Amino acid sequence: MAKGKDKDMLLVGSKTKEALKGSGKTTYNVSADALDALNEYVYWLVDQAQKKCAANGRKTIRAYDILAS
């Protein structure tokens, strides 16, 4: 996997910002680096799921591998 800024964006920026901003009475501002931080977290989750899958002798990543990270 690529390191740092070389990583591809795995998130749809506009949809993710919309979700982070919220709706209704309370809305939030989203900083410029928020998407990058969330993208890094997604890469970390993927890495953890791959490791868990390999440790269990499987080649198929299951939802549990991601949620249990």
C-alpha atoms as a PDB file:
ATOM      1  CA  MET A   1       0.000   0.000   0.000  1.00  0.00           C
ATOM      2  CA  ALA A   2       1.198   3.504  -0.754  1.00  0.00           C
ATOM      3  CA  LYS A   3       2.309   5.804   2.038  1.00  0.00           C
ATOM      4  CA  GLY A   4       1.167   9.317   2.917  1.00  0.00           C
ATOM      5  CA  LYS A   5       0.014  11.708   0.205  1.00  0.00           C
ATOM      6  CA  ASP A   6       0.580   9.102  -2.531  1.00  0.00           C
ATOM      7  CA  LYS A   7      -2.521   7.204  -1.427  1.00  0.00           C
ATOM      8  CA  ASP A   8      -5.577   7.321  -3.650  1.00  0.00           C
ATOM      9  CA  MET A   9      -8.726   8.822  -2.171  1.00  0.00           C
ATOM     10  CA  LEU A  10     -11.058   5.956  -1.306  1.00  0.00           C
ATOM     11  CA  LEU A  11     -13.945   8.221  -0.315  1.00  0.00           C
ATOM     12  CA  VAL A  12     -16.320  10.247  -2.449  1.00  0.00           C
ATOM     13  CA  GLY A  13     -15.417  13.729  -1.247  1.00  0.00           C
ATOM     14  CA  SER A  14     -18.746  15.503  -1.723  1.00  0.00           C
ATOM     15  CA  LYS A  15     -20.801  12.717  -0.140  1.00  0.00           C
ATOM     16  CA  THR A  16     -18.413  12.323   2.799  1.00  0.00           C
ATOM     17  CA  LYS A  17     -18.351  16.070   3.479  1.00  0.00           C
ATOM     18  CA  GLU A  18     -22.142  16.128   3.322  1.00  0.00           C
ATOM     19  CA  ALA A  19     -22.343  13.325   5.896  1.00  0.00           C
ATOM     20  CA  LEU A  20     -19.786  15.009   8.168  1.00  0.00           C
ATOM     21  CA  LYS A  21     -21.569  18.361   8.001  1.00  0.00           C
ATOM     22  CA  GLY A  22     -24.803  16.858   9.228  1.00  0.00           C
ATOM     23  CA  SER A  23     -28.234  18.344   8.718  1.00  0.00           C
ATOM     24  CA  GLY A  24     -31.078  19.790  10.673  1.00  0.00           C
ATOM     25  CA  LYS A  25     -30.620  22.195  13.550  1.00  0.00           C
ATOM     26  CA  THR A  26     -26.948  21.468  14.114  1.00  0.00           C
ATOM     27  CA  THR A  27     -24.434  21.441  11.276  1.00  0.00           C
ATOM     28  CA  TYR A  28     -20.654  21.328  11.361  1.00  0.00           C
ATOM     29  CA  ASN A  29     -17.877  22.836   9.294  1.00  0.00           C
ATOM     30  CA  VAL A  30     -15.468  20.368   7.696  1.00  0.00           C
ATOM     31  CA  SER A  31     -11.779  21.296   7.634  1.00  0.00           C
ATOM     32  CA  ALA A  32      -9.648  20.776   4.548  1.00  0.00           C
ATOM     33  CA  ASP A  33      -7.684  17.947   6.157  1.00  0.00           C
ATOM     34  CA  ALA A  34     -10.700  16.046   7.533  1.00  0.00           C
ATOM     35  CA  LEU A  35     -11.141  13.955   4.376  1.00  0.00           C
ATOM     36  CA  ASP A  36      -7.429  13.106   4.316  1.00  0.00           C
ATOM     37  CA  ALA A  37      -7.581  11.947   7.935  1.00  0.00           C
ATOM     38  CA  LEU A  38     -10.682   9.859   7.302  1.00  0.00           C
ATOM     39  CA  ASN A  39      -9.076   8.384   4.186  1.00  0.00           C
ATOM     40  CA  GLU A  40      -6.015   7.383   6.256  1.00  0.00           C
ATOM     41  CA  TYR A  41      -8.344   5.690   8.741  1.00  0.00           C
ATOM     42  CA  VAL A  42     -10.052   3.734   5.941  1.00  0.00           C
ATOM     43  CA  TYR A  43      -6.639   2.574   4.698  1.00  0.00           C
ATOM     44  CA  TRP A  44      -5.816   1.468   8.254  1.00  0.00           C
ATOM     45  CA  LEU A  45      -9.102  -0.467   8.479  1.00  0.00           C
ATOM     46  CA  VAL A  46      -8.339  -2.191   5.169  1.00  0.00           C
ATOM     47  CA  ASP A  47      -4.859  -3.129   6.384  1.00  0.00           C
ATOM     48  CA  GLN A  48      -6.229  -4.531   9.651  1.00  0.00           C
ATOM     49  CA  ALA A  49      -8.897  -6.537   7.810  1.00  0.00           C
ATOM     50  CA  GLN A  50      -6.270  -8.007   5.467  1.00  0.00           C
ATOM     51  CA  LYS A  51      -4.093  -9.017   8.415  1.00  0.00           C
ATOM     52  CA  LYS A  52      -7.025 -10.611  10.265  1.00  0.00           C
ATOM     53  CA  CYS A  53      -8.080 -12.493   7.154  1.00  0.00           C
ATOM     54  CA  ALA A  54      -4.537 -13.785   6.544  1.00  0.00           C
ATOM     55  CA  ALA A  55      -4.159 -14.774  10.207  1.00  0.00           C
ATOM     56  CA  ASN A  56      -7.304 -16.873   9.881  1.00  0.00           C
ATOM     57  CA  GLY A  57      -5.980 -18.580   6.755  1.00  0.00           C
ATOM     58  CA  ARG A  58      -8.585 -17.042   4.468  1.00  0.00           C
ATOM     59  CA  LYS A  59      -8.393 -15.067   1.233  1.00  0.00           C
ATOM     60  CA  THR A  60     -11.898 -13.616   1.508  1.00  0.00           C
ATOM     61  CA  ILE A  61     -12.321 -10.505   3.644  1.00  0.00           C
ATOM     62  CA  ARG A  62     -15.599 -10.595   5.524  1.00  0.00           C
ATOM     63  CA  ALA A  63     -17.526  -7.801   7.210  1.00  0.00           C
ATOM     64  CA  TYR A  64     -16.374  -9.147  10.574  1.00  0.00           C
ATOM     65  CA  ASP A  65     -12.735  -8.574   9.602  1.00  0.00           C
ATOM     66  CA  ILE A  66     -13.476  -4.889   9.092  1.00  0.00           C
ATOM     67  CA  LEU A  67     -15.832  -4.333  12.022  1.00  0.00           C
ATOM     68  CA  ALA A  68     -13.609  -6.149  14.510  1.00  0.00           C
ATOM     69  CA  SER A  69     -10.572  -3.939  13.742  1.00  0.00           C
END
